[in-house]
Amino acid sequence: MKLVIQVSLIIIGTLSLALGIIGIVLPLIPTTPFLLLSAACFVRSSNRLYQWLIHNKWFGSYIQNFRAGKGIPLKAKVIGVATLWISIIYSAFFIVPLVFVRIIMMLVAAYFTWFILSQKTLRR
């Protein structure tokens, strides 16, 4: 049973990592929560994968800064919120025909804007 749980955690961690990587490019998918989920899965299933993740030159800083309570760089906040709203507004008014879905999109964008802005700003 322990092996099944370990393999399941590795699979969930890997899927979460994939979503986090996609989230780096697509503003609608949050990167940091998926990377944190990957780290939580890997720390319980594979020390080798966990060490690789937190020391990775592309992903490690997200996890290390968040765990240390340092926050998000100001540039990342500005780019993230601006890209989020540009893509949501474009999608809501030019692609999505249903008003109900538009409202949900706006609420999701508002939530992630609040989440991003409520985090500490990382000073370099």
C-alpha atoms as a PDB file:
ATOM      1  CA  MET A   1       0.000   0.000   0.000  1.00  0.00           C
ATOM      2  CA  LYS A   2       2.889   2.362   0.777  1.00  0.00           C
ATOM      3  CA  LEU A   3       4.235   1.925  -2.760  1.00  0.00           C
ATOM      4  CA  VAL A   4       0.812   2.795  -4.245  1.00  0.00           C
ATOM      5  CA  ILE A   5       0.661   5.991  -2.191  1.00  0.00           C
ATOM      6  CA  GLN A   6       4.230   6.902  -3.127  1.00  0.00           C
ATOM      7  CA  VAL A   7       3.610   6.372  -6.848  1.00  0.00           C
ATOM      8  CA  SER A   8       0.309   8.291  -6.632  1.00  0.00           C
ATOM      9  CA  LEU A   9       2.056  11.240  -4.979  1.00  0.00           C
ATOM     10  CA  ILE A  10       4.758  11.237  -7.660  1.00  0.00           C
ATOM     11  CA  ILE A  11       2.100  11.233 -10.390  1.00  0.00           C
ATOM     12  CA  ILE A  12       0.117  14.038  -8.727  1.00  0.00           C
ATOM     13  CA  GLY A  13       3.327  16.010  -8.151  1.00  0.00           C
ATOM     14  CA  THR A  14       4.369  15.581 -11.773  1.00  0.00           C
ATOM     15  CA  LEU A  15       0.953  16.663 -13.091  1.00  0.00           C
ATOM     16  CA  SER A  16       1.010  19.633 -10.755  1.00  0.00           C
ATOM     17  CA  LEU A  17       4.492  20.531 -11.954  1.00  0.00           C
ATOM     18  CA  ALA A  18       3.281  20.389 -15.567  1.00  0.00           C
ATOM     19  CA  LEU A  19       0.404  22.746 -14.725  1.00  0.00           C
ATOM     20  CA  GLY A  20       2.851  25.055 -12.930  1.00  0.00           C
ATOM     21  CA  ILE A  21       5.086  25.152 -15.996  1.00  0.00           C
ATOM     22  CA  ILE A  22       2.072  25.945 -18.179  1.00  0.00           C
ATOM     23  CA  GLY A  23       1.151  28.638 -15.649  1.00  0.00           C
ATOM     24  CA  ILE A  24       4.457  30.401 -16.287  1.00  0.00           C
ATOM     25  CA  VAL A  25       3.275  31.040 -19.845  1.00  0.00           C
ATOM     26  CA  LEU A  26      -0.521  31.228 -19.405  1.00  0.00           C
ATOM     27  CA  PRO A  27      -1.670  33.853 -16.913  1.00  0.00           C
ATOM     28  CA  LEU A  28      -4.927  32.082 -16.072  1.00  0.00           C
ATOM     29  CA  ILE A  29      -3.105  29.185 -14.433  1.00  0.00           C
ATOM     30  CA  PRO A  30      -1.374  30.079 -11.165  1.00  0.00           C
ATOM     31  CA  THR A  31       2.239  28.894 -11.095  1.00  0.00           C
ATOM     32  CA  THR A  32       3.191  29.079  -7.428  1.00  0.00           C
ATOM     33  CA  PRO A  33       0.311  27.011  -5.969  1.00  0.00           C
ATOM     34  CA  PHE A  34       0.956  24.185  -8.435  1.00  0.00           C
ATOM     35  CA  LEU A  35       4.685  24.253  -7.713  1.00  0.00           C
ATOM     36  CA  LEU A  36       3.941  24.208  -3.982  1.00  0.00           C
ATOM     37  CA  LEU A  37       1.643  21.225  -4.473  1.00  0.00           C
ATOM     38  CA  SER A  38       4.405  19.482  -6.425  1.00  0.00           C
ATOM     39  CA  ALA A  39       6.854  20.161  -3.633  1.00  0.00           C
ATOM     40  CA  ALA A  40       4.401  18.828  -1.026  1.00  0.00           C
ATOM     41  CA  CYS A  41       3.856  15.642  -3.040  1.00  0.00           C
ATOM     42  CA  PHE A  42       7.550  15.128  -3.749  1.00  0.00           C
ATOM     43  CA  VAL A  43       8.661  15.726  -0.159  1.00  0.00           C
ATOM     44  CA  ARG A  44       6.373  12.870   0.916  1.00  0.00           C
ATOM     45  CA  SER A  45       7.274  10.511  -1.930  1.00  0.00           C
ATOM     46  CA  SER A  46      10.717  11.161  -3.401  1.00  0.00           C
ATOM     47  CA  ASN A  47      13.499  13.135  -1.766  1.00  0.00           C
ATOM     48  CA  ARG A  48      15.411  13.121  -5.056  1.00  0.00           C
ATOM     49  CA  LEU A  49      12.522  14.812  -6.936  1.00  0.00           C
ATOM     50  CA  TYR A  50      11.953  17.263  -4.087  1.00  0.00           C
ATOM     51  CA  GLN A  51      15.612  18.297  -4.019  1.00  0.00           C
ATOM     52  CA  TRP A  52      15.612  18.647  -7.799  1.00  0.00           C
ATOM     53  CA  LEU A  53      12.507  20.847  -7.677  1.00  0.00           C
ATOM     54  CA  ILE A  54      13.620  23.238  -4.940  1.00  0.00           C
ATOM     55  CA  HIS A  55      17.106  23.599  -6.440  1.00  0.00           C
ATOM     56  CA  ASN A  56      15.925  23.930 -10.044  1.00  0.00           C
ATOM     57  CA  LYS A  57      17.069  27.208 -11.590  1.00  0.00           C
ATOM     58  CA  TRP A  58      13.604  27.953 -13.065  1.00  0.00           C
ATOM     59  CA  PHE A  59      11.227  26.662 -10.373  1.00  0.00           C
ATOM     60  CA  GLY A  60      13.255  26.636  -7.176  1.00  0.00           C
ATOM     61  CA  SER A  61      13.055  30.346  -6.484  1.00  0.00           C
ATOM     62  CA  TYR A  62       9.224  30.309  -6.563  1.00  0.00           C
ATOM     63  CA  ILE A  63       9.140  27.677  -3.834  1.00  0.00           C
ATOM     64  CA  GLN A  64      12.059  28.966  -1.780  1.00  0.00           C
ATOM     65  CA  ASN A  65      10.814  32.568  -1.738  1.00  0.00           C
ATOM     66  CA  PHE A  66       7.269  31.518  -0.853  1.00  0.00           C
ATOM     67  CA  ARG A  67       8.399  29.140   1.905  1.00  0.00           C
ATOM     68  CA  ALA A  68      10.698  31.801   3.340  1.00  0.00           C
ATOM     69  CA  GLY A  69       7.860  34.337   3.332  1.00  0.00           C
ATOM     70  CA  LYS A  70       9.833  36.700   1.108  1.00  0.00           C
ATOM     71  CA  GLY A  71       6.985  37.272  -1.335  1.00  0.00           C
ATOM     72  CA  ILE A  72       6.703  37.965  -5.047  1.00  0.00           C
ATOM     73  CA  PRO A  73       8.904  40.444  -6.967  1.00  0.00           C
ATOM     74  CA  LEU A  74       7.099  43.698  -7.881  1.00  0.00           C
ATOM     75  CA  LYS A  75       7.807  43.174 -11.577  1.00  0.00           C
ATOM     76  CA  ALA A  76       6.187  39.723 -11.446  1.00  0.00           C
ATOM     77  CA  LYS A  77       3.141  41.162  -9.670  1.00  0.00           C
ATOM     78  CA  VAL A  78       2.681  43.908 -12.258  1.00  0.00           C
ATOM     79  CA  ILE A  79       3.217  41.615 -15.241  1.00  0.00           C
ATOM     80  CA  GLY A  80       1.047  38.888 -13.730  1.00  0.00           C
ATOM     81  CA  VAL A  81      -1.919  41.117 -12.910  1.00  0.00           C
ATOM     82  CA  ALA A  82      -1.713  43.028 -16.204  1.00  0.00           C
ATOM     83  CA  THR A  83      -1.477  39.865 -18.299  1.00  0.00           C
ATOM     84  CA  LEU A  84      -4.259  38.250 -16.304  1.00  0.00           C
ATOM     85  CA  TRP A  85      -6.682  41.106 -16.898  1.00  0.00           C
ATOM     86  CA  ILE A  86      -5.758  41.635 -20.553  1.00  0.00           C
ATOM     87  CA  SER A  87      -6.376  37.973 -21.332  1.00  0.00           C
ATOM     88  CA  ILE A  88      -9.575  37.791 -19.240  1.00  0.00           C
ATOM     89  CA  ILE A  89     -11.085  40.928 -20.732  1.00  0.00           C
ATOM     90  CA  TYR A  90     -10.209  39.861 -24.271  1.00  0.00           C
ATOM     91  CA  SER A  91     -11.606  36.356 -23.716  1.00  0.00           C
ATOM     92  CA  ALA A  92     -14.739  37.557 -21.941  1.00  0.00           C
ATOM     93  CA  PHE A  93     -15.727  40.143 -24.521  1.00  0.00           C
ATOM     94  CA  PHE A  94     -14.471  38.639 -27.779  1.00  0.00           C
ATOM     95  CA  ILE A  95     -14.504  34.864 -27.327  1.00  0.00           C
ATOM     96  CA  VAL A  96     -16.970  33.763 -24.645  1.00  0.00           C
ATOM     97  CA  PRO A  97     -20.616  34.293 -25.624  1.00  0.00           C
ATOM     98  CA  LEU A  98     -22.245  33.330 -22.303  1.00  0.00           C
ATOM     99  CA  VAL A  99     -22.729  36.120 -19.764  1.00  0.00           C
ATOM    100  CA  PHE A 100     -22.643  33.649 -16.858  1.00  0.00           C
ATOM    101  CA  VAL A 101     -19.210  32.382 -17.940  1.00  0.00           C
ATOM    102  CA  ARG A 102     -17.985  35.963 -18.360  1.00  0.00           C
ATOM    103  CA  ILE A 103     -19.008  36.731 -14.782  1.00  0.00           C
ATOM    104  CA  ILE A 104     -17.223  33.625 -13.495  1.00  0.00           C
ATOM    105  CA  MET A 105     -14.096  34.598 -15.444  1.00  0.00           C
ATOM    106  CA  MET A 106     -14.143  38.086 -13.931  1.00  0.00           C
ATOM    107  CA  LEU A 107     -14.612  36.675 -10.424  1.00  0.00           C
ATOM    108  CA  VAL A 108     -11.718  34.242 -10.903  1.00  0.00           C
ATOM    109  CA  ALA A 109      -9.526  37.065 -12.200  1.00  0.00           C
ATOM    110  CA  ALA A 110     -10.513  39.253  -9.234  1.00  0.00           C
ATOM    111  CA  TYR A 111      -9.650  36.459  -6.811  1.00  0.00           C
ATOM    112  CA  PHE A 112      -6.208  35.854  -8.337  1.00  0.00           C
ATOM    113  CA  THR A 113      -5.554  39.593  -8.469  1.00  0.00           C
ATOM    114  CA  TRP A 114      -6.361  39.801  -4.761  1.00  0.00           C
ATOM    115  CA  PHE A 115      -4.166  36.759  -4.059  1.00  0.00           C
ATOM    116  CA  ILE A 116      -1.185  38.166  -5.982  1.00  0.00           C
ATOM    117  CA  LEU A 117      -1.466  41.633  -4.496  1.00  0.00           C
ATOM    118  CA  SER A 118      -1.975  40.337  -0.956  1.00  0.00           C
ATOM    119  CA  GLN A 119       1.389  38.560  -1.015  1.00  0.00           C
ATOM    120  CA  LYS A 120       4.471  40.351   0.271  1.00  0.00           C
ATOM    121  CA  THR A 121       6.534  42.175  -2.311  1.00  0.00           C
ATOM    122  CA  LEU A 122       9.999  40.672  -2.637  1.00  0.00           C
ATOM    123  CA  ARG A 123      12.723  43.289  -2.410  1.00  0.00           C
ATOM    124  CA  ARG A 124      15.890  42.350  -4.239  1.00  0.00           C
END
